[in-house]
C-alpha atoms as a PDB file:
ATOM      1  CA  UNK A   1     -15.888  -0.345 -13.116  1.00  0.00           C
ATOM      2  CA  UNK A   2     -16.848  -2.228  -9.976  1.00  0.00           C
ATOM      3  CA  UNK A   3     -14.187  -2.555  -7.263  1.00  0.00           C
ATOM      4  CA  UNK A   4     -15.101  -6.233  -7.015  1.00  0.00           C
ATOM      5  CA  UNK A   5     -14.049  -7.169 -10.558  1.00  0.00           C
ATOM      6  CA  UNK A   6     -11.728  -6.088 -13.356  1.00  0.00           C
ATOM      7  CA  UNK A   7     -12.245  -7.453 -16.864  1.00  0.00           C
ATOM      8  CA  UNK A   8      -9.681 -10.049 -17.883  1.00  0.00           C
ATOM      9  CA  UNK A   9      -8.439 -10.670 -14.334  1.00  0.00           C
ATOM     10  CA  UNK A  10      -9.164 -13.842 -12.388  1.00  0.00           C
ATOM     11  CA  UNK A  11      -9.013 -14.185  -8.607  1.00  0.00           C
ATOM     12  CA  UNK A  12      -7.151 -17.033  -6.914  1.00  0.00           C
ATOM     13  CA  UNK A  13      -5.956 -18.236  -3.534  1.00  0.00           C
ATOM     14  CA  UNK A  14      -2.595 -19.810  -2.733  1.00  0.00           C
ATOM     15  CA  UNK A  15      -1.120 -21.231   0.460  1.00  0.00           C
ATOM     16  CA  UNK A  16       2.272 -19.741   1.251  1.00  0.00           C
ATOM     17  CA  UNK A  17       3.953 -21.133   4.358  1.00  0.00           C
ATOM     18  CA  UNK A  18       0.545 -22.353   5.495  1.00  0.00           C
ATOM     19  CA  UNK A  19      -1.179 -18.957   5.133  1.00  0.00           C
ATOM     20  CA  UNK A  20      -3.886 -18.351   2.517  1.00  0.00           C
ATOM     21  CA  UNK A  21      -3.090 -15.430   0.223  1.00  0.00           C
ATOM     22  CA  UNK A  22      -5.560 -13.955  -2.253  1.00  0.00           C
ATOM     23  CA  UNK A  23      -4.569 -12.351  -5.557  1.00  0.00           C
ATOM     24  CA  UNK A  24      -5.810 -11.385  -8.992  1.00  0.00           C
ATOM     25  CA  UNK A  25      -4.015 -12.389 -12.175  1.00  0.00           C
ATOM     26  CA  UNK A  26      -4.287 -10.927 -15.656  1.00  0.00           C
ATOM     27  CA  UNK A  27      -3.583 -12.444 -19.077  1.00  0.00           C
ATOM     28  CA  UNK A  28      -0.035 -13.608 -19.921  1.00  0.00           C
ATOM     29  CA  UNK A  29       0.848 -10.779 -22.272  1.00  0.00           C
ATOM     30  CA  UNK A  30       4.442 -10.060 -21.324  1.00  0.00           C
ATOM     31  CA  UNK A  31       6.910  -9.869 -18.450  1.00  0.00           C
ATOM     32  CA  UNK A  32       5.577 -10.271 -14.937  1.00  0.00           C
ATOM     33  CA  UNK A  33       4.563  -7.302 -12.782  1.00  0.00           C
ATOM     34  CA  UNK A  34       3.477  -7.758  -9.160  1.00  0.00           C
ATOM     35  CA  UNK A  35       1.472  -4.980  -7.476  1.00  0.00           C
ATOM     36  CA  UNK A  36       1.449  -4.688  -3.675  1.00  0.00           C
ATOM     37  CA  UNK A  37      -1.167  -2.315  -2.195  1.00  0.00           C
ATOM     38  CA  UNK A  38      -0.662  -0.046   0.776  1.00  0.00           C
ATOM     39  CA  UNK A  39      -1.897  -0.643   4.290  1.00  0.00           C
ATOM     40  CA  UNK A  40      -5.645  -1.418   4.550  1.00  0.00           C
ATOM     41  CA  UNK A  41      -6.108  -1.388   0.761  1.00  0.00           C
ATOM     42  CA  UNK A  42      -7.294  -4.459  -1.219  1.00  0.00           C
ATOM     43  CA  UNK A  43      -5.923  -5.548  -4.574  1.00  0.00           C
ATOM     44  CA  UNK A  44      -8.792  -3.690  -6.275  1.00  0.00           C
ATOM     45  CA  UNK A  45      -7.078  -0.399  -5.457  1.00  0.00           C
ATOM     46  CA  UNK A  46      -5.173  -0.976  -8.717  1.00  0.00           C
ATOM     47  CA  UNK A  47      -8.335  -1.185 -10.837  1.00  0.00           C
ATOM     48  CA  UNK A  48      -7.572   2.036 -12.738  1.00  0.00           C
ATOM     49  CA  UNK A  49      -4.166   0.794 -13.925  1.00  0.00           C
ATOM     50  CA  UNK A  50      -4.868  -2.917 -14.465  1.00  0.00           C
ATOM     51  CA  UNK A  51      -6.560  -2.463 -17.875  1.00  0.00           C
ATOM     52  CA  UNK A  52      -3.690  -0.201 -18.970  1.00  0.00           C
ATOM     53  CA  UNK A  53      -0.997  -2.678 -17.894  1.00  0.00           C
ATOM     54  CA  UNK A  54      -2.659  -5.908 -19.026  1.00  0.00           C
ATOM     55  CA  UNK A  55      -1.906  -5.575 -22.785  1.00  0.00           C
ATOM     56  CA  UNK A  56       1.871  -5.395 -22.124  1.00  0.00           C
ATOM     57  CA  UNK A  57       2.478  -7.312 -18.900  1.00  0.00           C
ATOM     58  CA  UNK A  58       1.486 -10.422 -16.993  1.00  0.00           C
ATOM     59  CA  UNK A  59       0.047  -8.628 -13.971  1.00  0.00           C
ATOM     60  CA  UNK A  60      -0.543  -9.934 -10.463  1.00  0.00           C
ATOM     61  CA  UNK A  61      -2.240  -7.791  -7.790  1.00  0.00           C
ATOM     62  CA  UNK A  62      -2.104  -8.986  -4.191  1.00  0.00           C
ATOM     63  CA  UNK A  63      -4.054  -8.851  -0.979  1.00  0.00           C
ATOM     64  CA  UNK A  64      -1.317  -8.647   1.675  1.00  0.00           C
ATOM     65  CA  UNK A  65      -1.882 -10.976   4.650  1.00  0.00           C
ATOM     66  CA  UNK A  66      -4.489  -9.434   6.948  1.00  0.00           C
ATOM     67  CA  UNK A  67      -6.039  -7.534   4.024  1.00  0.00           C
ATOM     68  CA  UNK A  68      -8.944  -8.147   1.671  1.00  0.00           C
ATOM     69  CA  UNK A  69      -9.594 -11.851   1.177  1.00  0.00           C
ATOM     70  CA  UNK A  70      -6.179 -12.977   2.439  1.00  0.00           C
ATOM     71  CA  UNK A  71      -5.948 -14.752   5.773  1.00  0.00           C
ATOM     72  CA  UNK A  72      -5.749 -12.795   9.024  1.00  0.00           C
ATOM     73  CA  UNK A  73      -2.733 -13.777  11.137  1.00  0.00           C
ATOM     74  CA  UNK A  74      -2.877 -11.777  14.387  1.00  0.00           C
ATOM     75  CA  UNK A  75       0.472 -11.524  16.117  1.00  0.00           C
ATOM     76  CA  UNK A  76       2.382 -12.313  12.901  1.00  0.00           C
ATOM     77  CA  UNK A  77       2.728  -8.959  11.160  1.00  0.00           C
ATOM     78  CA  UNK A  78       6.028  -7.304  10.292  1.00  0.00           C
ATOM     79  CA  UNK A  79       7.703  -5.943   7.185  1.00  0.00           C
ATOM     80  CA  UNK A  80      10.030  -8.942   7.160  1.00  0.00           C
ATOM     81  CA  UNK A  81       7.137 -11.412   7.428  1.00  0.00           C
ATOM     82  CA  UNK A  82       5.253  -9.696   4.578  1.00  0.00           C
ATOM     83  CA  UNK A  83       8.454  -9.461   2.533  1.00  0.00           C
ATOM     84  CA  UNK A  84       8.942 -13.206   2.896  1.00  0.00           C
ATOM     85  CA  UNK A  85       5.360 -13.689   1.697  1.00  0.00           C
ATOM     86  CA  UNK A  86       6.140 -11.720  -1.457  1.00  0.00           C
ATOM     87  CA  UNK A  87       9.313 -13.724  -2.104  1.00  0.00           C
ATOM     88  CA  UNK A  88       7.343 -16.970  -1.685  1.00  0.00           C
ATOM     89  CA  UNK A  89       4.697 -15.632  -4.088  1.00  0.00           C
ATOM     90  CA  UNK A  90       7.363 -14.859  -6.696  1.00  0.00           C
ATOM     91  CA  UNK A  91       8.835 -18.349  -6.355  1.00  0.00           C
ATOM     92  CA  UNK A  92       5.640 -20.389  -6.187  1.00  0.00           C
ATOM     93  CA  UNK A  93       3.110 -18.432  -8.265  1.00  0.00           C
ATOM     94  CA  UNK A  94       5.021 -16.150 -10.629  1.00  0.00           C
ATOM     95  CA  UNK A  95       7.779 -18.763 -10.890  1.00  0.00           C
ATOM     96  CA  UNK A  96      10.413 -16.253 -11.887  1.00  0.00           C
ATOM     97  CA  UNK A  97      11.513 -12.639 -11.666  1.00  0.00           C
ATOM     98  CA  UNK A  98       9.063  -9.758 -11.813  1.00  0.00           C
ATOM     99  CA  UNK A  99       8.955  -6.003 -11.596  1.00  0.00           C
ATOM    100  CA  UNK A 100       7.663  -5.436  -8.056  1.00  0.00           C
ATOM    101  CA  UNK A 101       5.650  -2.293  -7.393  1.00  0.00           C
ATOM    102  CA  UNK A 102       4.350  -1.279  -3.985  1.00  0.00           C
ATOM    103  CA  UNK A 103       2.379   1.647  -2.640  1.00  0.00           C
ATOM    104  CA  UNK A 104       3.146   2.945   0.868  1.00  0.00           C
ATOM    105  CA  UNK A 105       3.836  -0.047   3.157  1.00  0.00           C
ATOM    106  CA  UNK A 106       3.638  -2.172   0.000  1.00  0.00           C
ATOM    107  CA  UNK A 107       6.682  -0.264  -1.243  1.00  0.00           C
ATOM    108  CA  UNK A 108       8.650  -1.410   1.798  1.00  0.00           C
ATOM    109  CA  UNK A 109       7.476  -4.993   1.264  1.00  0.00           C
ATOM    110  CA  UNK A 110       8.668  -4.809  -2.356  1.00  0.00           C
ATOM    111  CA  UNK A 111      11.961  -3.280  -1.171  1.00  0.00           C
ATOM    112  CA  UNK A 112      12.466  -6.152   1.289  1.00  0.00           C
ATOM    113  CA  UNK A 113      11.977  -8.669  -1.525  1.00  0.00           C
ATOM    114  CA  UNK A 114      14.370  -6.832  -3.855  1.00  0.00           C
ATOM    115  CA  UNK A 115      17.030  -6.694  -1.132  1.00  0.00           C
ATOM    116  CA  UNK A 116      16.682 -10.294   0.031  1.00  0.00           C
ATOM    117  CA  UNK A 117      15.840 -12.137  -3.193  1.00  0.00           C
ATOM    118  CA  UNK A 118      17.488 -10.059  -5.950  1.00  0.00           C
ATOM    119  CA  UNK A 119      17.224 -12.942  -8.434  1.00  0.00           C
ATOM    120  CA  UNK A 120      13.414 -12.634  -8.261  1.00  0.00           C
ATOM    121  CA  UNK A 121      13.007  -8.850  -8.590  1.00  0.00           C
ATOM    122  CA  UNK A 122      13.894  -7.405 -11.995  1.00  0.00           C
ATOM    123  CA  UNK A 123      12.705  -3.884 -11.196  1.00  0.00           C
ATOM    124  CA  UNK A 124      11.486  -2.021  -8.111  1.00  0.00           C
ATOM    125  CA  UNK A 125       8.899   0.763  -8.053  1.00  0.00           C
ATOM    126  CA  UNK A 126       8.319   2.287  -4.617  1.00  0.00           C
ATOM    127  CA  UNK A 127       5.218   4.460  -4.737  1.00  0.00           C
ATOM    128  CA  UNK A 128       5.405   6.990  -1.881  1.00  0.00           C
ATOM    129  CA  UNK A 129       6.856   4.498   0.621  1.00  0.00           C
ATOM    130  CA  UNK A 130       7.440   5.519   4.258  1.00  0.00           C
ATOM    131  CA  UNK A 131      11.210   5.168   3.954  1.00  0.00           C
ATOM    132  CA  UNK A 132      12.963   5.792   7.288  1.00  0.00           C
ATOM    133  CA  UNK A 133       9.795   7.267   8.815  1.00  0.00           C
ATOM    134  CA  UNK A 134       8.557   3.773   9.767  1.00  0.00           C
ATOM    135  CA  UNK A 135      11.724   2.741  11.536  1.00  0.00           C
ATOM    136  CA  UNK A 136      11.290   2.473  15.299  1.00  0.00           C
ATOM    137  CA  UNK A 137      11.128   4.647  17.368  1.00  0.00           C
ATOM    138  CA  UNK A 138      10.853   7.378  14.726  1.00  0.00           C
ATOM    139  CA  UNK A 139       7.428   6.145  13.638  1.00  0.00           C
ATOM    140  CA  UNK A 140       6.218   6.744  17.184  1.00  0.00           C
ATOM    141  CA  UNK A 141       8.057  10.007  17.796  1.00  0.00           C
ATOM    142  CA  UNK A 142       8.100  11.942  14.517  1.00  0.00           C
ATOM    143  CA  UNK A 143       5.054  11.083  12.383  1.00  0.00           C
ATOM    144  CA  UNK A 144       1.411  12.089  12.264  1.00  0.00           C
ATOM    145  CA  UNK A 145       0.523   8.637  10.998  1.00  0.00           C
ATOM    146  CA  UNK A 146       1.342   7.012  14.350  1.00  0.00           C
ATOM    147  CA  UNK A 147      -1.532   8.958  15.911  1.00  0.00           C
ATOM    148  CA  UNK A 148      -3.705   7.902  12.977  1.00  0.00           C
ATOM    149  CA  UNK A 149      -2.768   4.278  13.646  1.00  0.00           C
ATOM    150  CA  UNK A 150      -3.719   4.683  17.313  1.00  0.00           C
ATOM    151  CA  UNK A 151      -7.079   6.042  16.149  1.00  0.00           C
ATOM    152  CA  UNK A 152      -7.554   2.975  13.926  1.00  0.00           C
ATOM    153  CA  UNK A 153      -6.821   0.614  16.813  1.00  0.00           C
ATOM    154  CA  UNK A 154      -9.080   2.484  19.238  1.00  0.00           C
ATOM    155  CA  UNK A 155     -12.100   2.671  16.922  1.00  0.00           C
ATOM    156  CA  UNK A 156     -12.137  -0.334  14.578  1.00  0.00           C
ATOM    157  CA  UNK A 157     -14.079  -2.457  13.862  1.00  0.00           C
ATOM    158  CA  UNK A 158     -16.575   0.374  14.469  1.00  0.00           C
ATOM    159  CA  UNK A 159     -16.111   2.003  11.065  1.00  0.00           C
ATOM    160  CA  UNK A 160     -18.789   4.634  11.656  1.00  0.00           C
ATOM    161  CA  UNK A 161     -17.026   5.942  14.769  1.00  0.00           C
ATOM    162  CA  UNK A 162     -13.663   5.771  13.003  1.00  0.00           C
ATOM    163  CA  UNK A 163     -14.781   8.122  10.243  1.00  0.00           C
ATOM    164  CA  UNK A 164     -16.951  10.423  12.344  1.00  0.00           C
ATOM    165  CA  UNK A 165     -13.996  11.181  14.656  1.00  0.00           C
ATOM    166  CA  UNK A 166     -11.208  11.190  12.046  1.00  0.00           C
ATOM    167  CA  UNK A 167      -9.109  14.361  11.710  1.00  0.00           C
ATOM    168  CA  UNK A 168      -6.462  14.913   9.032  1.00  0.00           C
ATOM    169  CA  UNK A 169      -4.036  17.858   9.251  1.00  0.00           C
ATOM    170  CA  UNK A 170      -3.565  20.152   6.261  1.00  0.00           C
ATOM    171  CA  UNK A 171      -1.037  22.780   5.218  1.00  0.00           C
ATOM    172  CA  UNK A 172      -2.578  25.422   3.010  1.00  0.00           C
ATOM    173  CA  UNK A 173      -3.947  23.533   0.014  1.00  0.00           C
ATOM    174  CA  UNK A 174      -1.905  20.425   0.780  1.00  0.00           C
ATOM    175  CA  UNK A 175      -3.996  17.598   2.215  1.00  0.00           C
ATOM    176  CA  UNK A 176      -3.607  13.841   2.344  1.00  0.00           C
ATOM    177  CA  UNK A 177      -7.315  13.174   1.866  1.00  0.00           C
ATOM    178  CA  UNK A 178     -10.257  15.449   1.227  1.00  0.00           C
ATOM    179  CA  UNK A 179     -12.541  14.403   4.059  1.00  0.00           C
ATOM    180  CA  UNK A 180     -14.728  17.264   5.316  1.00  0.00           C
ATOM    181  CA  UNK A 181     -16.654  16.786   8.567  1.00  0.00           C
ATOM    182  CA  UNK A 182     -20.157  16.707   6.925  1.00  0.00           C
ATOM    183  CA  UNK A 183     -18.975  13.804   4.728  1.00  0.00           C
ATOM    184  CA  UNK A 184     -17.730  11.993   7.831  1.00  0.00           C
ATOM    185  CA  UNK A 185     -21.154  12.264   9.482  1.00  0.00           C
ATOM    186  CA  UNK A 186     -22.919  11.181   6.283  1.00  0.00           C
ATOM    187  CA  UNK A 187     -20.547   8.267   5.868  1.00  0.00           C
ATOM    188  CA  UNK A 188     -20.979   7.136   9.471  1.00  0.00           C
ATOM    189  CA  UNK A 189     -24.733   6.835   8.994  1.00  0.00           C
ATOM    190  CA  UNK A 190     -24.369   5.045   5.655  1.00  0.00           C
ATOM    191  CA  UNK A 191     -21.941   2.532   7.158  1.00  0.00           C
ATOM    192  CA  UNK A 192     -24.296   1.737  10.028  1.00  0.00           C
ATOM    193  CA  UNK A 193     -27.190   1.172   7.598  1.00  0.00           C
ATOM    194  CA  UNK A 194     -25.039  -1.056   5.368  1.00  0.00           C
ATOM    195  CA  UNK A 195     -23.841  -3.144   8.304  1.00  0.00           C
ATOM    196  CA  UNK A 196     -27.416  -3.521   9.592  1.00  0.00           C
ATOM    197  CA  UNK A 197     -28.532  -4.830   6.177  1.00  0.00           C
ATOM    198  CA  UNK A 198     -25.524  -7.102   5.585  1.00  0.00           C
ATOM    199  CA  UNK A 199     -23.783  -8.008   8.868  1.00  0.00           C
ATOM    200  CA  UNK A 200     -20.231  -9.245   8.354  1.00  0.00           C
ATOM    201  CA  UNK A 201     -20.100  -8.332   4.647  1.00  0.00           C
ATOM    202  CA  UNK A 202     -17.493  -5.900   3.252  1.00  0.00           C
ATOM    203  CA  UNK A 203     -18.784  -2.341   3.336  1.00  0.00           C
ATOM    204  CA  UNK A 204     -18.889  -1.222  -0.298  1.00  0.00           C
ATOM    205  CA  UNK A 205     -20.650   2.123  -0.871  1.00  0.00           C
ATOM    206  CA  UNK A 206     -20.838   2.686  -4.627  1.00  0.00           C
ATOM    207  CA  UNK A 207     -21.578   6.433  -4.418  1.00  0.00           C
ATOM    208  CA  UNK A 208     -18.355   7.389  -2.640  1.00  0.00           C
ATOM    209  CA  UNK A 209     -15.317   8.807  -4.494  1.00  0.00           C
ATOM    210  CA  UNK A 210     -13.272   5.777  -5.567  1.00  0.00           C
ATOM    211  CA  UNK A 211     -10.328   6.256  -3.204  1.00  0.00           C
ATOM    212  CA  UNK A 212     -12.628   6.721  -0.199  1.00  0.00           C
ATOM    213  CA  UNK A 213     -14.805   3.807  -1.339  1.00  0.00           C
ATOM    214  CA  UNK A 214     -11.781   1.506  -1.469  1.00  0.00           C
ATOM    215  CA  UNK A 215     -10.491   2.820   1.857  1.00  0.00           C
ATOM    216  CA  UNK A 216     -13.835   2.081   3.528  1.00  0.00           C
ATOM    217  CA  UNK A 217     -14.072  -1.357   1.976  1.00  0.00           C
ATOM    218  CA  UNK A 218     -10.465  -2.185   2.809  1.00  0.00           C
ATOM    219  CA  UNK A 219     -10.911  -1.236   6.462  1.00  0.00           C
ATOM    220  CA  UNK A 220     -14.083  -3.347   6.673  1.00  0.00           C
ATOM    221  CA  UNK A 221     -12.088  -6.471   5.634  1.00  0.00           C
ATOM    222  CA  UNK A 222      -8.910  -5.618   7.518  1.00  0.00           C
ATOM    223  CA  UNK A 223      -7.182  -7.197  10.526  1.00  0.00           C
ATOM    224  CA  UNK A 224      -6.665  -4.286  12.912  1.00  0.00           C
ATOM    225  CA  UNK A 225      -3.699  -6.116  14.463  1.00  0.00           C
ATOM    226  CA  UNK A 226      -1.727  -5.158  11.362  1.00  0.00           C
ATOM    227  CA  UNK A 227      -2.087  -1.542  12.481  1.00  0.00           C
ATOM    228  CA  UNK A 228      -1.598  -2.450  16.145  1.00  0.00           C
ATOM    229  CA  UNK A 229       1.801  -3.822  15.119  1.00  0.00           C
ATOM    230  CA  UNK A 230       2.621  -0.328  13.834  1.00  0.00           C
ATOM    231  CA  UNK A 231       1.631   1.334  17.104  1.00  0.00           C
ATOM    232  CA  UNK A 232       3.842  -0.877  19.281  1.00  0.00           C
ATOM    233  CA  UNK A 233       6.794  -1.323  16.908  1.00  0.00           C
ATOM    234  CA  UNK A 234       6.338  -5.003  15.999  1.00  0.00           C
ATOM    235  CA  UNK A 235       5.957  -4.080  12.340  1.00  0.00           C
ATOM    236  CA  UNK A 236       9.211  -2.130  12.250  1.00  0.00           C
ATOM    237  CA  UNK A 237      11.842  -4.874  12.006  1.00  0.00           C
ATOM    238  CA  UNK A 238      13.432  -3.662   8.770  1.00  0.00           C
ATOM    239  CA  UNK A 239      16.681  -1.716   8.284  1.00  0.00           C
ATOM    240  CA  UNK A 240      15.776   0.629   5.430  1.00  0.00           C
ATOM    241  CA  UNK A 241      19.305   1.817   4.590  1.00  0.00           C
ATOM    242  CA  UNK A 242      20.706  -1.718   4.534  1.00  0.00           C
ATOM    243  CA  UNK A 243      17.819  -2.842   2.338  1.00  0.00           C
ATOM    244  CA  UNK A 244      18.391  -0.028  -0.150  1.00  0.00           C
ATOM    245  CA  UNK A 245      22.114  -0.835  -0.339  1.00  0.00           C
ATOM    246  CA  UNK A 246      21.294  -4.462  -1.182  1.00  0.00           C
ATOM    247  CA  UNK A 247      19.071  -3.680  -4.203  1.00  0.00           C
ATOM    248  CA  UNK A 248      20.632  -4.792  -7.512  1.00  0.00           C
ATOM    249  CA  UNK A 249      17.850  -3.998  -9.997  1.00  0.00           C
ATOM    250  CA  UNK A 250      16.708  -0.689 -11.530  1.00  0.00           C
ATOM    251  CA  UNK A 251      14.635   1.181  -8.953  1.00  0.00           C
ATOM    252  CA  UNK A 252      12.309   4.170  -8.991  1.00  0.00           C
ATOM    253  CA  UNK A 253      10.995   6.113  -5.997  1.00  0.00           C
ATOM    254  CA  UNK A 254       7.897   8.274  -6.469  1.00  0.00           C
ATOM    255  CA  UNK A 255       7.457  10.850  -3.699  1.00  0.00           C
ATOM    256  CA  UNK A 256       3.957  12.296  -3.268  1.00  0.00           C
ATOM    257  CA  UNK A 257       2.922  15.338  -1.224  1.00  0.00           C
ATOM    258  CA  UNK A 258       4.042  15.674   2.386  1.00  0.00           C
ATOM    259  CA  UNK A 259       4.851  18.385   4.894  1.00  0.00           C
ATOM    260  CA  UNK A 260       6.118  18.777   8.440  1.00  0.00           C
ATOM    261  CA  UNK A 261       3.622  19.777  11.120  1.00  0.00           C
ATOM    262  CA  UNK A 262       5.166  21.681  14.058  1.00  0.00           C
ATOM    263  CA  UNK A 263       3.547  19.362  16.599  1.00  0.00           C
ATOM    264  CA  UNK A 264       2.690  16.136  14.758  1.00  0.00           C
ATOM    265  CA  UNK A 265       5.891  15.616  12.745  1.00  0.00           C
ATOM    266  CA  UNK A 266       5.918  14.349   9.181  1.00  0.00           C
ATOM    267  CA  UNK A 267       2.464  14.355   7.567  1.00  0.00           C
ATOM    268  CA  UNK A 268       2.755  12.051   4.586  1.00  0.00           C
ATOM    269  CA  UNK A 269       5.062   9.164   3.794  1.00  0.00           C
ATOM    270  CA  UNK A 270       8.453  10.875   4.060  1.00  0.00           C
ATOM    271  CA  UNK A 271      10.231  14.208   4.069  1.00  0.00           C
ATOM    272  CA  UNK A 272      12.901  15.683   1.827  1.00  0.00           C
ATOM    273  CA  UNK A 273      15.610  14.558   4.254  1.00  0.00           C
ATOM    274  CA  UNK A 274      14.409  10.963   3.874  1.00  0.00           C
ATOM    275  CA  UNK A 275      14.566  11.122   0.087  1.00  0.00           C
ATOM    276  CA  UNK A 276      18.062  12.621   0.308  1.00  0.00           C
ATOM    277  CA  UNK A 277      19.163   9.803   2.614  1.00  0.00           C
ATOM    278  CA  UNK A 278      17.744   7.204   0.219  1.00  0.00           C
ATOM    279  CA  UNK A 279      19.774   8.716  -2.633  1.00  0.00           C
ATOM    280  CA  UNK A 280      22.871   8.822  -0.444  1.00  0.00           C
ATOM    281  CA  UNK A 281      22.786   5.133   0.411  1.00  0.00           C
ATOM    282  CA  UNK A 282      21.518   4.032  -3.041  1.00  0.00           C
ATOM    283  CA  UNK A 283      22.946   6.475  -5.632  1.00  0.00           C
ATOM    284  CA  UNK A 284      21.431   4.572  -8.581  1.00  0.00           C
ATOM    285  CA  UNK A 285      17.927   5.148  -7.229  1.00  0.00           C
ATOM    286  CA  UNK A 286      15.795   7.291  -9.531  1.00  0.00           C
ATOM    287  CA  UNK A 287      13.549   9.768  -7.734  1.00  0.00           C
ATOM    288  CA  UNK A 288      10.486  11.561  -9.079  1.00  0.00           C
ATOM    289  CA  UNK A 289       8.543  14.087  -6.977  1.00  0.00           C
ATOM    290  CA  UNK A 290       4.869  14.282  -7.934  1.00  0.00           C
ATOM    291  CA  UNK A 291       2.248  16.710  -6.678  1.00  0.00           C
ATOM    292  CA  UNK A 292      -0.144  13.895  -5.880  1.00  0.00           C
ATOM    293  CA  UNK A 293      -2.153  12.185  -3.179  1.00  0.00           C
ATOM    294  CA  UNK A 294      -0.528   9.243  -1.404  1.00  0.00           C
ATOM    295  CA  UNK A 295      -2.122   6.505  -3.553  1.00  0.00           C
ATOM    296  CA  UNK A 296      -0.467   7.704  -6.732  1.00  0.00           C
ATOM    297  CA  UNK A 297      -1.796   4.932  -8.974  1.00  0.00           C
ATOM    298  CA  UNK A 298      -5.345   6.076  -8.212  1.00  0.00           C
ATOM    299  CA  UNK A 299      -4.607   9.804  -8.422  1.00  0.00           C
ATOM    300  CA  UNK A 300      -2.553   9.691 -11.654  1.00  0.00           C
ATOM    301  CA  UNK A 301      -3.027   6.267 -13.282  1.00  0.00           C
ATOM    302  CA  UNK A 302      -1.735   7.085 -16.779  1.00  0.00           C
ATOM    303  CA  UNK A 303       1.374   8.783 -15.459  1.00  0.00           C
ATOM    304  CA  UNK A 304       1.935   5.873 -13.081  1.00  0.00           C
ATOM    305  CA  UNK A 305       1.686   3.333 -15.909  1.00  0.00           C
ATOM    306  CA  UNK A 306       4.128   5.356 -18.027  1.00  0.00           C
ATOM    307  CA  UNK A 307       6.617   5.390 -15.137  1.00  0.00           C
ATOM    308  CA  UNK A 308       6.262   1.637 -14.648  1.00  0.00           C
ATOM    309  CA  UNK A 309       6.765   1.015 -18.365  1.00  0.00           C
ATOM    310  CA  UNK A 310       9.953   3.120 -18.343  1.00  0.00           C
ATOM    311  CA  UNK A 311      11.248   1.160 -15.376  1.00  0.00           C
ATOM    312  CA  UNK A 312      10.398  -2.193 -16.952  1.00  0.00           C
ATOM    313  CA  UNK A 313      12.285  -1.153 -20.085  1.00  0.00           C
ATOM    314  CA  UNK A 314      15.504  -0.804 -18.064  1.00  0.00           C
ATOM    315  CA  UNK A 315      15.546  -4.377 -16.823  1.00  0.00           C
END
């Protein structure tokens, strides 16, 4: 299946508060489900689960502002701003409540919508969200990902340099992404050749493993100021505990692999203490811990769909 198309889904644009947002929509086969990708990822990151969801749900998959084919808005990125976008999308496009599912930063965007527009969110699935770890200044002081974000800002839009100098910490067999150094060198050369042949076009290398392929393509279409807002704290305008307390709908949190590095802090979305705090402030929250990579819907699509279906059944 090509990352540029999914059978039965049509792509559209909509203006929300004057900003063009891109999305894909499936057939109207049931209750609405809205999928919000993680940082740098396009809507196509859901391509493994879209055919599985389409027979039972009316599915929408989004490009968050600054991502994919949605408009870039430098200087206007925060979790609140993106949360308001999702609420506007629910009101103006979905035109009613939906189960909102978000991966990583998309999970926080979905949480913001559930907390601030409960009448529009009938269920909430947070797929390995960075709960509490992306509050400021903890993001800066206690996470590996802040250094990763600095690397993004310092190297993009030079994708080849970004990958050839990327390092990802591991703990035993636990790793966030399998990205050995020889692959980084190979990828850097392939990116340069692609960009020479098609300047300005998204970098889509068909031979890469799907998650890496989507990551490369997403970064090639991405507004780096979205990440810059994470390095200087502009993104982090959301009170996670208060948001969790305000949720009224059934909610599921999927925690993927993570560990604490003695020097770099949390490697992954969140630690056990963050999950415990989420349960403390929102006792009705269901939590499932999966041995999985961060983009769970790509790593375990059938299990992800089953979890979403269970959640939707509790509305």
